[in-house]
Amino acid sequence: MTFSRGQTYRISVFLGVAFFFLVAFLVAESALSPDQPIGGRAFFLAWLIVMSYGLYQHLYRIAYELKCTDSVLVWKSPLRTGTAPLSALRRIYSRAGTLGVIEVADGSRIQIYAQKGFLRFVSALAERNPNIDVRLNWYIRFIERFPGRTLFHP
């Protein structure tokens, strides 16, 4: 079974990265000029730090696909892939609206944007490992009722 945002999500992340570097290059030319006041330089530096953190999150930490076999959960982010045995999954909860978090016994966390189908995927995981503590917020339960295609594929 699979919960996937698809390759279009991965492509959109890379387009966002390209846009970030283009904007950073263009803004850096004026923000770092000698006649620019210190406030402009400080703002550019703060913006660069915040955007770099967002890029790190979306390229390495937030998965766009979860695939479950009989005993292993495989997750993919745009630049990283990982696995976790189903027996090692401890908790699945939601945070910050639609951010779903799967907590593994070793302390690592798999993050994914939960959309329609995530609740069904989590329910199927909980059937395979009844020891998983599932605590999803009302919003994730609510989006399951919207019409449209699901990202869950049994």
N, C-alpha and C. Protein backbone atom coordinates (compact mmCIF):
# COMPACT_ATOMS: atom_id res chain seq x y z
N MET A 1 0.84 -1.18 0.00
CA MET A 1 0.00 0.00 0.00
C MET A 1 0.88 1.24 0.00
N THR A 2 0.36 2.31 -0.56
CA THR A 2 1.15 3.52 -0.76
C THR A 2 0.32 4.77 -0.45
N PHE A 3 0.97 5.75 0.15
CA PHE A 3 0.43 7.10 0.28
C PHE A 3 1.45 8.00 -0.39
N SER A 4 1.08 8.60 -1.51
CA SER A 4 2.06 9.36 -2.28
C SER A 4 1.48 10.66 -2.80
N ARG A 5 2.28 11.70 -2.67
CA ARG A 5 1.91 13.00 -3.25
C ARG A 5 2.33 13.07 -4.71
N GLY A 6 3.09 12.08 -5.17
CA GLY A 6 3.44 11.97 -6.58
C GLY A 6 4.70 12.74 -6.96
N GLN A 7 5.13 12.47 -8.18
CA GLN A 7 6.35 13.10 -8.69
C GLN A 7 6.16 14.60 -8.92
N THR A 8 4.93 15.04 -9.12
CA THR A 8 4.71 16.48 -9.34
C THR A 8 5.11 17.27 -8.09
N TYR A 9 4.90 16.69 -6.91
CA TYR A 9 5.33 17.36 -5.68
C TYR A 9 6.85 17.49 -5.66
N ARG A 10 7.53 16.42 -6.01
CA ARG A 10 9.00 16.44 -6.03
C ARG A 10 9.51 17.48 -7.02
N ILE A 11 8.90 17.53 -8.18
CA ILE A 11 9.31 18.51 -9.19
C ILE A 11 9.04 19.92 -8.69
N SER A 12 7.89 20.13 -8.03
CA SER A 12 7.58 21.47 -7.54
C SER A 12 8.56 21.92 -6.46
N VAL A 13 9.05 20.98 -5.65
CA VAL A 13 10.06 21.34 -4.65
C VAL A 13 11.34 21.80 -5.34
N PHE A 14 11.76 21.07 -6.38
CA PHE A 14 12.98 21.47 -7.08
C PHE A 14 12.80 22.80 -7.82
N LEU A 15 11.61 23.06 -8.35
CA LEU A 15 11.34 24.37 -8.96
C LEU A 15 11.39 25.47 -7.91
N GLY A 16 10.88 25.17 -6.71
CA GLY A 16 10.97 26.13 -5.60
C GLY A 16 12.40 26.44 -5.22
N VAL A 17 13.25 25.41 -5.24
CA VAL A 17 14.67 25.60 -4.94
C VAL A 17 15.31 26.50 -5.99
N ALA A 18 15.02 26.24 -7.26
CA ALA A 18 15.58 27.07 -8.34
C ALA A 18 15.12 28.51 -8.20
N PHE A 19 13.84 28.72 -7.87
CA PHE A 19 13.32 30.07 -7.68
C PHE A 19 14.00 30.75 -6.49
N PHE A 20 14.21 30.01 -5.40
CA PHE A 20 14.90 30.55 -4.23
C PHE A 20 16.29 31.06 -4.61
N PHE A 21 17.05 30.24 -5.33
CA PHE A 21 18.41 30.65 -5.68
C PHE A 21 18.40 31.85 -6.64
N LEU A 22 17.43 31.91 -7.54
CA LEU A 22 17.33 33.05 -8.45
C LEU A 22 17.03 34.33 -7.66
N VAL A 23 16.05 34.27 -6.78
CA VAL A 23 15.69 35.45 -5.98
C VAL A 23 16.84 35.84 -5.07
N ALA A 24 17.47 34.84 -4.43
CA ALA A 24 18.59 35.14 -3.52
C ALA A 24 19.71 35.84 -4.27
N PHE A 25 20.00 35.38 -5.47
CA PHE A 25 21.07 36.00 -6.26
C PHE A 25 20.72 37.44 -6.63
N LEU A 26 19.48 37.65 -7.08
CA LEU A 26 19.07 38.99 -7.49
C LEU A 26 19.00 39.96 -6.31
N VAL A 27 18.48 39.49 -5.18
CA VAL A 27 18.36 40.37 -4.01
C VAL A 27 19.73 40.62 -3.39
N ALA A 28 20.60 39.62 -3.43
CA ALA A 28 21.93 39.77 -2.84
C ALA A 28 22.72 40.89 -3.50
N GLU A 29 22.53 41.07 -4.80
CA GLU A 29 23.24 42.14 -5.51
C GLU A 29 22.95 43.51 -4.92
N SER A 30 21.68 43.77 -4.61
CA SER A 30 21.36 45.08 -4.06
C SER A 30 21.49 45.11 -2.53
N ALA A 31 21.18 44.03 -1.86
CA ALA A 31 21.22 44.02 -0.39
C ALA A 31 22.64 44.09 0.15
N LEU A 32 23.57 43.57 -0.59
CA LEU A 32 24.95 43.55 -0.10
C LEU A 32 25.82 44.65 -0.69
N SER A 33 25.19 45.59 -1.39
CA SER A 33 25.97 46.70 -1.94
C SER A 33 26.45 47.60 -0.81
N PRO A 34 27.58 48.27 -0.99
CA PRO A 34 28.15 49.09 0.08
C PRO A 34 27.26 50.25 0.53
N ASP A 35 26.41 50.76 -0.35
CA ASP A 35 25.57 51.89 0.04
C ASP A 35 24.26 51.45 0.72
N GLN A 36 24.04 50.17 0.88
CA GLN A 36 22.84 49.65 1.55
C GLN A 36 22.96 49.80 3.06
N PRO A 37 21.92 50.27 3.75
CA PRO A 37 22.00 50.39 5.21
C PRO A 37 22.08 49.01 5.86
N ILE A 38 22.57 48.98 7.09
CA ILE A 38 22.78 47.72 7.81
C ILE A 38 21.47 46.95 8.01
N GLY A 39 20.33 47.66 8.12
CA GLY A 39 19.03 47.01 8.29
C GLY A 39 18.67 46.14 7.09
N GLY A 40 18.98 46.62 5.89
CA GLY A 40 18.71 45.85 4.67
C GLY A 40 19.56 44.59 4.61
N ARG A 41 20.80 44.72 5.01
CA ARG A 41 21.68 43.55 5.03
C ARG A 41 21.23 42.54 6.08
N ALA A 42 20.83 43.04 7.25
CA ALA A 42 20.37 42.14 8.32
C ALA A 42 19.08 41.42 7.90
N PHE A 43 18.18 42.15 7.25
CA PHE A 43 16.95 41.52 6.79
C PHE A 43 17.25 40.44 5.76
N PHE A 44 18.15 40.73 4.83
CA PHE A 44 18.51 39.74 3.82
C PHE A 44 19.13 38.51 4.47
N LEU A 45 19.98 38.70 5.45
CA LEU A 45 20.60 37.57 6.14
C LEU A 45 19.54 36.74 6.89
N ALA A 46 18.61 37.40 7.56
CA ALA A 46 17.53 36.68 8.26
C ALA A 46 16.66 35.92 7.27
N TRP A 47 16.33 36.55 6.15
CA TRP A 47 15.54 35.89 5.12
C TRP A 47 16.27 34.67 4.58
N LEU A 48 17.57 34.81 4.36
CA LEU A 48 18.37 33.71 3.84
C LEU A 48 18.40 32.53 4.81
N ILE A 49 18.49 32.81 6.10
CA ILE A 49 18.51 31.75 7.11
C ILE A 49 17.16 31.04 7.16
N VAL A 50 16.08 31.80 7.18
CA VAL A 50 14.74 31.20 7.26
C VAL A 50 14.45 30.36 6.01
N MET A 51 14.77 30.88 4.85
CA MET A 51 14.52 30.14 3.61
C MET A 51 15.40 28.90 3.51
N SER A 52 16.63 28.98 3.97
CA SER A 52 17.51 27.80 3.95
C SER A 52 16.97 26.70 4.85
N TYR A 53 16.44 27.07 6.00
CA TYR A 53 15.83 26.08 6.88
C TYR A 53 14.62 25.43 6.21
N GLY A 54 13.80 26.22 5.54
CA GLY A 54 12.66 25.67 4.82
C GLY A 54 13.07 24.73 3.71
N LEU A 55 14.14 25.09 3.00
CA LEU A 55 14.66 24.20 1.95
C LEU A 55 15.14 22.88 2.54
N TYR A 56 15.86 22.96 3.63
CA TYR A 56 16.34 21.75 4.30
C TYR A 56 15.16 20.86 4.69
N GLN A 57 14.13 21.45 5.27
CA GLN A 57 12.96 20.67 5.68
C GLN A 57 12.31 19.98 4.49
N HIS A 58 12.09 20.70 3.40
CA HIS A 58 11.38 20.13 2.27
C HIS A 58 12.23 19.20 1.41
N LEU A 59 13.53 19.36 1.43
CA LEU A 59 14.38 18.48 0.63
C LEU A 59 14.79 17.21 1.37
N TYR A 60 14.99 17.30 2.67
CA TYR A 60 15.52 16.16 3.43
C TYR A 60 14.54 15.58 4.45
N ARG A 61 13.73 16.37 5.08
CA ARG A 61 12.97 15.90 6.23
C ARG A 61 11.52 15.53 5.94
N ILE A 62 10.87 16.21 5.01
CA ILE A 62 9.46 15.96 4.75
C ILE A 62 9.32 15.00 3.57
N ALA A 63 8.71 13.86 3.85
CA ALA A 63 8.53 12.83 2.83
C ALA A 63 7.38 13.20 1.90
N TYR A 64 7.48 12.71 0.67
CA TYR A 64 6.37 12.87 -0.26
C TYR A 64 5.72 11.53 -0.59
N GLU A 65 6.35 10.43 -0.13
CA GLU A 65 5.78 9.12 -0.40
C GLU A 65 6.06 8.17 0.75
N LEU A 66 5.05 7.42 1.14
CA LEU A 66 5.17 6.35 2.13
C LEU A 66 4.69 5.07 1.46
N LYS A 67 5.51 4.04 1.54
CA LYS A 67 5.14 2.76 0.95
C LYS A 67 5.32 1.68 2.01
N CYS A 68 4.31 0.87 2.20
CA CYS A 68 4.35 -0.16 3.23
C CYS A 68 4.31 -1.54 2.59
N THR A 69 5.29 -2.37 2.93
CA THR A 69 5.28 -3.77 2.53
C THR A 69 4.80 -4.56 3.74
N ASP A 70 5.02 -5.86 3.72
CA ASP A 70 4.55 -6.69 4.83
C ASP A 70 5.22 -6.34 6.16
N SER A 71 6.48 -5.93 6.12
CA SER A 71 7.19 -5.70 7.38
C SER A 71 7.97 -4.39 7.45
N VAL A 72 7.97 -3.61 6.38
CA VAL A 72 8.81 -2.41 6.33
C VAL A 72 8.03 -1.22 5.78
N LEU A 73 8.26 -0.06 6.37
CA LEU A 73 7.74 1.20 5.86
C LEU A 73 8.89 1.91 5.14
N VAL A 74 8.71 2.21 3.89
CA VAL A 74 9.72 2.91 3.09
C VAL A 74 9.19 4.32 2.84
N TRP A 75 10.02 5.32 3.11
CA TRP A 75 9.62 6.71 2.86
C TRP A 75 10.63 7.37 1.95
N LYS A 76 10.14 8.34 1.18
CA LYS A 76 10.99 9.07 0.24
C LYS A 76 10.75 10.56 0.39
N SER A 77 11.84 11.29 0.47
CA SER A 77 11.79 12.75 0.36
C SER A 77 12.56 13.08 -0.92
N PRO A 78 12.53 14.32 -1.40
CA PRO A 78 13.20 14.62 -2.67
C PRO A 78 14.67 14.22 -2.72
N LEU A 79 15.42 14.31 -1.61
CA LEU A 79 16.84 13.97 -1.66
C LEU A 79 17.24 12.84 -0.70
N ARG A 80 16.27 12.18 -0.11
CA ARG A 80 16.60 11.16 0.88
C ARG A 80 15.53 10.07 0.88
N THR A 81 15.95 8.86 1.16
CA THR A 81 15.03 7.73 1.29
C THR A 81 15.41 6.97 2.54
N GLY A 82 14.42 6.40 3.21
CA GLY A 82 14.71 5.63 4.41
C GLY A 82 13.70 4.51 4.60
N THR A 83 14.02 3.64 5.54
CA THR A 83 13.12 2.54 5.88
C THR A 83 12.99 2.44 7.38
N ALA A 84 11.88 1.87 7.81
CA ALA A 84 11.65 1.60 9.22
C ALA A 84 10.82 0.33 9.32
N PRO A 85 11.24 -0.62 10.16
CA PRO A 85 10.41 -1.81 10.33
C PRO A 85 9.07 -1.45 10.95
N LEU A 86 8.01 -2.12 10.51
CA LEU A 86 6.69 -1.82 11.06
C LEU A 86 6.63 -2.07 12.56
N SER A 87 7.40 -3.02 13.03
CA SER A 87 7.40 -3.31 14.47
C SER A 87 8.04 -2.19 15.28
N ALA A 88 8.81 -1.32 14.61
CA ALA A 88 9.49 -0.22 15.31
C ALA A 88 8.67 1.06 15.33
N LEU A 89 7.53 1.09 14.66
CA LEU A 89 6.70 2.29 14.66
C LEU A 89 5.99 2.40 16.00
N ARG A 90 6.12 3.56 16.65
CA ARG A 90 5.56 3.74 17.99
C ARG A 90 4.34 4.64 18.02
N ARG A 91 4.39 5.73 17.28
CA ARG A 91 3.33 6.72 17.40
C ARG A 91 3.14 7.44 16.08
N ILE A 92 1.89 7.75 15.75
CA ILE A 92 1.56 8.57 14.58
C ILE A 92 0.65 9.69 15.09
N TYR A 93 1.08 10.92 14.86
CA TYR A 93 0.29 12.05 15.32
C TYR A 93 0.38 13.18 14.31
N SER A 94 -0.46 14.17 14.50
CA SER A 94 -0.45 15.31 13.60
C SER A 94 -0.01 16.55 14.35
N ARG A 95 0.61 17.43 13.60
CA ARG A 95 1.16 18.65 14.18
C ARG A 95 1.02 19.77 13.15
N ALA A 96 0.76 20.95 13.61
CA ALA A 96 0.71 22.13 12.74
C ALA A 96 -0.26 21.95 11.57
N GLY A 97 -1.47 21.60 11.88
CA GLY A 97 -2.48 21.45 10.82
C GLY A 97 -2.39 20.12 10.11
N THR A 98 -1.75 20.10 8.95
CA THR A 98 -1.72 18.89 8.14
C THR A 98 -0.38 18.17 8.14
N LEU A 99 0.49 18.48 9.04
CA LEU A 99 1.77 17.77 9.08
C LEU A 99 1.61 16.50 9.91
N GLY A 100 1.72 15.36 9.24
CA GLY A 100 1.66 14.07 9.92
C GLY A 100 3.06 13.63 10.31
N VAL A 101 3.18 13.06 11.50
CA VAL A 101 4.49 12.63 12.00
C VAL A 101 4.38 11.17 12.42
N ILE A 102 5.31 10.37 11.91
CA ILE A 102 5.40 8.96 12.28
C ILE A 102 6.67 8.81 13.11
N GLU A 103 6.50 8.42 14.35
CA GLU A 103 7.63 8.31 15.28
C GLU A 103 8.10 6.85 15.34
N VAL A 104 9.40 6.67 15.20
CA VAL A 104 10.01 5.33 15.20
C VAL A 104 10.68 5.11 16.56
N ALA A 105 10.86 3.85 16.92
CA ALA A 105 11.42 3.49 18.24
C ALA A 105 12.80 4.09 18.48
N ASP A 106 13.60 4.28 17.44
CA ASP A 106 14.94 4.84 17.62
C ASP A 106 14.94 6.35 17.82
N GLY A 107 13.75 6.95 17.85
CA GLY A 107 13.64 8.40 18.08
C GLY A 107 13.50 9.21 16.81
N SER A 108 13.72 8.61 15.67
CA SER A 108 13.59 9.36 14.42
C SER A 108 12.11 9.59 14.11
N ARG A 109 11.87 10.62 13.31
CA ARG A 109 10.51 10.98 12.94
C ARG A 109 10.42 11.14 11.43
N ILE A 110 9.38 10.59 10.88
CA ILE A 110 9.09 10.72 9.46
C ILE A 110 7.95 11.72 9.35
N GLN A 111 8.17 12.81 8.62
CA GLN A 111 7.15 13.85 8.49
C GLN A 111 6.60 13.82 7.07
N ILE A 112 5.30 14.05 6.96
CA ILE A 112 4.66 14.10 5.64
C ILE A 112 3.44 15.01 5.74
N TYR A 113 3.14 15.71 4.65
CA TYR A 113 1.92 16.51 4.63
C TYR A 113 0.75 15.56 4.43
N ALA A 114 -0.14 15.53 5.40
CA ALA A 114 -1.27 14.62 5.37
C ALA A 114 -2.39 15.23 4.54
N GLN A 115 -2.81 14.49 3.54
CA GLN A 115 -3.93 14.91 2.72
C GLN A 115 -4.93 13.77 2.66
N LYS A 116 -5.91 13.90 1.81
CA LYS A 116 -6.94 12.88 1.71
C LYS A 116 -6.30 11.52 1.44
N GLY A 117 -6.63 10.55 2.27
CA GLY A 117 -6.07 9.22 2.15
C GLY A 117 -5.09 8.88 3.26
N PHE A 118 -4.58 9.91 3.94
CA PHE A 118 -3.60 9.66 5.01
C PHE A 118 -4.25 8.90 6.17
N LEU A 119 -5.46 9.22 6.51
CA LEU A 119 -6.15 8.52 7.60
C LEU A 119 -6.33 7.05 7.26
N ARG A 120 -6.68 6.75 6.02
CA ARG A 120 -6.82 5.35 5.60
C ARG A 120 -5.48 4.63 5.63
N PHE A 121 -4.42 5.32 5.23
CA PHE A 121 -3.08 4.72 5.26
C PHE A 121 -2.67 4.41 6.70
N VAL A 122 -2.91 5.36 7.59
CA VAL A 122 -2.56 5.18 9.00
C VAL A 122 -3.39 4.06 9.62
N SER A 123 -4.65 3.98 9.26
CA SER A 123 -5.50 2.90 9.78
C SER A 123 -4.99 1.54 9.32
N ALA A 124 -4.54 1.46 8.08
CA ALA A 124 -3.98 0.20 7.58
C ALA A 124 -2.68 -0.14 8.30
N LEU A 125 -1.87 0.87 8.60
CA LEU A 125 -0.64 0.63 9.37
C LEU A 125 -0.97 0.12 10.78
N ALA A 126 -1.97 0.73 11.38
CA ALA A 126 -2.37 0.34 12.74
C ALA A 126 -2.94 -1.08 12.77
N GLU A 127 -3.55 -1.52 11.68
CA GLU A 127 -4.02 -2.90 11.60
C GLU A 127 -2.84 -3.87 11.57
N ARG A 128 -1.78 -3.49 10.89
CA ARG A 128 -0.61 -4.36 10.80
C ARG A 128 0.23 -4.35 12.07
N ASN A 129 0.21 -3.23 12.79
CA ASN A 129 0.93 -3.13 14.07
C ASN A 129 0.00 -2.45 15.08
N PRO A 130 -0.73 -3.24 15.86
CA PRO A 130 -1.70 -2.66 16.80
C PRO A 130 -1.05 -1.87 17.94
N ASN A 131 0.26 -1.93 18.10
CA ASN A 131 0.95 -1.19 19.16
C ASN A 131 1.17 0.28 18.83
N ILE A 132 0.84 0.69 17.61
CA ILE A 132 1.03 2.09 17.22
C ILE A 132 -0.03 2.95 17.90
N ASP A 133 0.43 4.01 18.54
CA ASP A 133 -0.46 4.98 19.17
C ASP A 133 -0.82 6.04 18.13
N VAL A 134 -2.07 6.09 17.70
CA VAL A 134 -2.50 7.01 16.64
C VAL A 134 -3.30 8.15 17.28
N ARG A 135 -2.83 9.38 17.04
CA ARG A 135 -3.52 10.58 17.54
C ARG A 135 -3.49 11.66 16.46
N LEU A 136 -4.51 11.64 15.64
CA LEU A 136 -4.60 12.62 14.56
C LEU A 136 -5.63 13.68 14.93
N ASN A 137 -5.35 14.92 14.53
CA ASN A 137 -6.25 16.02 14.90
C ASN A 137 -7.53 15.98 14.07
N TRP A 138 -8.45 16.85 14.42
CA TRP A 138 -9.75 16.88 13.77
C TRP A 138 -9.64 17.25 12.30
N TYR A 139 -8.66 18.06 11.94
CA TYR A 139 -8.55 18.53 10.57
C TYR A 139 -8.22 17.39 9.62
N ILE A 140 -7.33 16.50 10.03
CA ILE A 140 -6.98 15.37 9.17
C ILE A 140 -8.18 14.45 9.00
N ARG A 141 -8.95 14.28 10.04
CA ARG A 141 -10.18 13.48 9.92
C ARG A 141 -11.20 14.20 9.02
N PHE A 142 -11.23 15.52 9.07
CA PHE A 142 -12.16 16.31 8.29
C PHE A 142 -11.84 16.24 6.79
N ILE A 143 -10.57 16.31 6.41
CA ILE A 143 -10.22 16.33 4.98
C ILE A 143 -10.52 15.00 4.29
N GLU A 144 -10.67 13.94 5.05
CA GLU A 144 -11.04 12.66 4.46
C GLU A 144 -12.43 12.72 3.84
N ARG A 145 -13.26 13.64 4.27
CA ARG A 145 -14.64 13.72 3.79
C ARG A 145 -14.80 14.57 2.53
N PHE A 146 -13.75 15.28 2.16
CA PHE A 146 -13.83 16.11 0.95
C PHE A 146 -13.89 15.23 -0.29
N PRO A 147 -14.61 15.71 -1.30
CA PRO A 147 -14.58 14.96 -2.56
C PRO A 147 -13.23 15.14 -3.24
N GLY A 148 -12.92 14.28 -4.14
CA GLY A 148 -11.66 14.35 -4.88
C GLY A 148 -10.87 13.07 -4.74
N ARG A 149 -9.76 13.05 -5.42
CA ARG A 149 -8.96 11.82 -5.43
C ARG A 149 -8.19 11.66 -4.13
N THR A 150 -7.96 10.44 -3.79
CA THR A 150 -7.21 10.11 -2.58
C THR A 150 -5.77 9.81 -2.95
N LEU A 151 -4.87 10.05 -2.04
CA LEU A 151 -3.45 9.75 -2.27
C LEU A 151 -3.08 8.38 -1.74
N PHE A 152 -4.07 7.67 -1.20
CA PHE A 152 -3.85 6.32 -0.67
C PHE A 152 -4.18 5.31 -1.76
N HIS A 153 -3.24 4.38 -1.96
CA HIS A 153 -3.43 3.32 -2.94
C HIS A 153 -3.14 1.99 -2.27
N PRO A 154 -4.20 1.19 -2.04
CA PRO A 154 -3.99 -0.10 -1.34
C PRO A 154 -3.15 -1.09 -2.12
